[in-house]
């Protein structure tokens, strides 16, 4: 789990870097964003399955398709939300003493 979690982080940073790189190519970047937005949404859904992944895929699509918002690291934010801020606390096992009188 730990290895795959950090592999997912690496892939998230890479995909965010590709999304940002398009903003440095005037004219061509906007055309690339039209192709990149649906691909990014598909990758988000694959990387983060479930309801949260579906919502994140819509958000990344909108973020990539709107000019000037490419700097937002949506994949990395989703990773943080999933593995850092969204961690559910594991319940602590408790012992129960039972006294039997015969």
C-alpha atoms as a PDB file:
ATOM      1  CA  UNK A   1       0.000   0.000   0.000  1.00  0.00           C
ATOM      2  CA  UNK A   2       2.734   2.458   0.972  1.00  0.00           C
ATOM      3  CA  UNK A   3       4.667   1.956  -2.271  1.00  0.00           C
ATOM      4  CA  UNK A   4       1.579   2.320  -4.462  1.00  0.00           C
ATOM      5  CA  UNK A   5       0.527   5.398  -2.503  1.00  0.00           C
ATOM      6  CA  UNK A   6       3.788   7.178  -3.300  1.00  0.00           C
ATOM      7  CA  UNK A   7       3.754   5.925  -6.894  1.00  0.00           C
ATOM      8  CA  UNK A   8       0.342   7.566  -7.159  1.00  0.00           C
ATOM      9  CA  UNK A   9       1.827  10.788  -5.747  1.00  0.00           C
ATOM     10  CA  UNK A  10       4.643  10.678  -8.307  1.00  0.00           C
ATOM     11  CA  UNK A  11       2.138  10.185 -11.130  1.00  0.00           C
ATOM     12  CA  UNK A  12      -0.038  12.995  -9.753  1.00  0.00           C
ATOM     13  CA  UNK A  13       2.884  15.434  -9.741  1.00  0.00           C
ATOM     14  CA  UNK A  14       3.860  14.357 -13.266  1.00  0.00           C
ATOM     15  CA  UNK A  15       0.336  14.878 -14.624  1.00  0.00           C
ATOM     16  CA  UNK A  16       0.121  18.285 -12.910  1.00  0.00           C
ATOM     17  CA  UNK A  17       3.478  19.238 -14.468  1.00  0.00           C
ATOM     18  CA  UNK A  18       2.218  18.278 -17.928  1.00  0.00           C
ATOM     19  CA  UNK A  19      -0.922  20.357 -17.353  1.00  0.00           C
ATOM     20  CA  UNK A  20       1.151  23.382 -16.308  1.00  0.00           C
ATOM     21  CA  UNK A  21       3.596  22.972 -19.194  1.00  0.00           C
ATOM     22  CA  UNK A  22       0.840  23.700 -21.698  1.00  0.00           C
ATOM     23  CA  UNK A  23       0.475  27.222 -20.337  1.00  0.00           C
ATOM     24  CA  UNK A  24       4.034  28.066 -21.404  1.00  0.00           C
ATOM     25  CA  UNK A  25       3.329  27.503 -25.108  1.00  0.00           C
ATOM     26  CA  UNK A  26       1.370  30.544 -26.382  1.00  0.00           C
ATOM     27  CA  UNK A  27      -1.389  29.651 -28.812  1.00  0.00           C
ATOM     28  CA  UNK A  28      -0.544  25.955 -28.958  1.00  0.00           C
ATOM     29  CA  UNK A  29      -1.152  25.537 -25.220  1.00  0.00           C
ATOM     30  CA  UNK A  30      -4.844  26.376 -25.509  1.00  0.00           C
ATOM     31  CA  UNK A  31      -5.306  23.851 -28.313  1.00  0.00           C
ATOM     32  CA  UNK A  32      -3.437  21.219 -26.321  1.00  0.00           C
ATOM     33  CA  UNK A  33      -5.688  21.940 -23.316  1.00  0.00           C
ATOM     34  CA  UNK A  34      -8.738  20.981 -25.398  1.00  0.00           C
ATOM     35  CA  UNK A  35      -7.167  17.543 -25.877  1.00  0.00           C
ATOM     36  CA  UNK A  36      -5.608  17.359 -22.414  1.00  0.00           C
ATOM     37  CA  UNK A  37      -8.779  18.128 -20.401  1.00  0.00           C
ATOM     38  CA  UNK A  38     -10.691  14.916 -21.273  1.00  0.00           C
ATOM     39  CA  UNK A  39      -7.522  12.816 -20.916  1.00  0.00           C
ATOM     40  CA  UNK A  40      -6.795  14.354 -17.500  1.00  0.00           C
ATOM     41  CA  UNK A  41     -10.381  13.663 -16.400  1.00  0.00           C
ATOM     42  CA  UNK A  42     -10.068  10.027 -17.508  1.00  0.00           C
ATOM     43  CA  UNK A  43      -6.753   9.616 -15.667  1.00  0.00           C
ATOM     44  CA  UNK A  44      -8.219  11.177 -12.510  1.00  0.00           C
ATOM     45  CA  UNK A  45     -11.084   8.670 -12.566  1.00  0.00           C
ATOM     46  CA  UNK A  46      -8.629   5.784 -13.027  1.00  0.00           C
ATOM     47  CA  UNK A  47      -6.214   6.938 -10.326  1.00  0.00           C
ATOM     48  CA  UNK A  48      -8.852   7.797  -7.723  1.00  0.00           C
ATOM     49  CA  UNK A  49     -11.819   5.429  -8.087  1.00  0.00           C
ATOM     50  CA  UNK A  50     -15.175   5.929  -6.446  1.00  0.00           C
ATOM     51  CA  UNK A  51     -17.440   8.906  -5.956  1.00  0.00           C
ATOM     52  CA  UNK A  52     -14.621  11.291  -4.975  1.00  0.00           C
ATOM     53  CA  UNK A  53     -12.691  10.344  -8.119  1.00  0.00           C
ATOM     54  CA  UNK A  54     -15.720  11.077 -10.294  1.00  0.00           C
ATOM     55  CA  UNK A  55     -16.122  14.504  -8.715  1.00  0.00           C
ATOM     56  CA  UNK A  56     -12.392  15.190  -9.039  1.00  0.00           C
ATOM     57  CA  UNK A  57     -12.474  14.188 -12.719  1.00  0.00           C
ATOM     58  CA  UNK A  58     -15.129  16.824 -13.394  1.00  0.00           C
ATOM     59  CA  UNK A  59     -13.101  19.411 -11.479  1.00  0.00           C
ATOM     60  CA  UNK A  60      -9.869  18.611 -13.344  1.00  0.00           C
ATOM     61  CA  UNK A  61     -11.716  18.764 -16.676  1.00  0.00           C
ATOM     62  CA  UNK A  62     -13.086  22.218 -15.874  1.00  0.00           C
ATOM     63  CA  UNK A  63      -9.724  23.390 -14.499  1.00  0.00           C
ATOM     64  CA  UNK A  64      -7.861  22.257 -17.617  1.00  0.00           C
ATOM     65  CA  UNK A  65     -10.385  23.579 -20.131  1.00  0.00           C
ATOM     66  CA  UNK A  66     -10.571  27.097 -18.618  1.00  0.00           C
ATOM     67  CA  UNK A  67      -7.628  29.253 -19.767  1.00  0.00           C
ATOM     68  CA  UNK A  68      -5.391  30.571 -17.014  1.00  0.00           C
ATOM     69  CA  UNK A  69      -6.143  27.886 -14.441  1.00  0.00           C
ATOM     70  CA  UNK A  70      -3.473  25.380 -15.501  1.00  0.00           C
ATOM     71  CA  UNK A  71      -1.301  26.253 -12.510  1.00  0.00           C
ATOM     72  CA  UNK A  72      -3.691  24.532 -10.056  1.00  0.00           C
ATOM     73  CA  UNK A  73      -2.173  21.124  -9.093  1.00  0.00           C
ATOM     74  CA  UNK A  74      -5.479  19.241  -9.128  1.00  0.00           C
ATOM     75  CA  UNK A  75      -3.998  15.724  -9.136  1.00  0.00           C
ATOM     76  CA  UNK A  76      -1.648  16.487  -6.258  1.00  0.00           C
ATOM     77  CA  UNK A  77      -4.431  18.172  -4.296  1.00  0.00           C
ATOM     78  CA  UNK A  78      -6.611  15.095  -4.795  1.00  0.00           C
ATOM     79  CA  UNK A  79      -3.755  12.885  -3.541  1.00  0.00           C
ATOM     80  CA  UNK A  80      -3.385  15.083  -0.458  1.00  0.00           C
ATOM     81  CA  UNK A  81      -7.137  15.049   0.096  1.00  0.00           C
ATOM     82  CA  UNK A  82      -7.196  11.255  -0.205  1.00  0.00           C
ATOM     83  CA  UNK A  83      -4.081  10.230   1.739  1.00  0.00           C
ATOM     84  CA  UNK A  84      -3.309  13.111   4.111  1.00  0.00           C
ATOM     85  CA  UNK A  85      -6.427  15.114   4.958  1.00  0.00           C
ATOM     86  CA  UNK A  86      -8.998  12.402   4.220  1.00  0.00           C
ATOM     87  CA  UNK A  87      -7.471   9.715   6.405  1.00  0.00           C
ATOM     88  CA  UNK A  88     -10.016   8.127   8.662  1.00  0.00           C
ATOM     89  CA  UNK A  89      -8.769   7.379  12.122  1.00  0.00           C
ATOM     90  CA  UNK A  90      -8.415   3.685  12.804  1.00  0.00           C
ATOM     91  CA  UNK A  91     -10.353   2.613  15.883  1.00  0.00           C
ATOM     92  CA  UNK A  92      -8.190   1.585  18.801  1.00  0.00           C
ATOM     93  CA  UNK A  93      -8.893  -1.975  19.885  1.00  0.00           C
ATOM     94  CA  UNK A  94     -10.054  -2.125  23.458  1.00  0.00           C
ATOM     95  CA  UNK A  95     -10.004  -5.029  25.816  1.00  0.00           C
ATOM     96  CA  UNK A  96     -13.019  -5.947  27.846  1.00  0.00           C
ATOM     97  CA  UNK A  97     -12.671  -7.815  31.091  1.00  0.00           C
ATOM     98  CA  UNK A  98     -15.433 -10.270  31.798  1.00  0.00           C
ATOM     99  CA  UNK A  99     -15.841 -11.841  35.200  1.00  0.00           C
ATOM    100  CA  UNK A 100     -17.672 -15.144  35.336  1.00  0.00           C
ATOM    101  CA  UNK A 101     -19.080 -16.271  38.698  1.00  0.00           C
ATOM    102  CA  UNK A 102     -19.872 -19.933  39.012  1.00  0.00           C
END
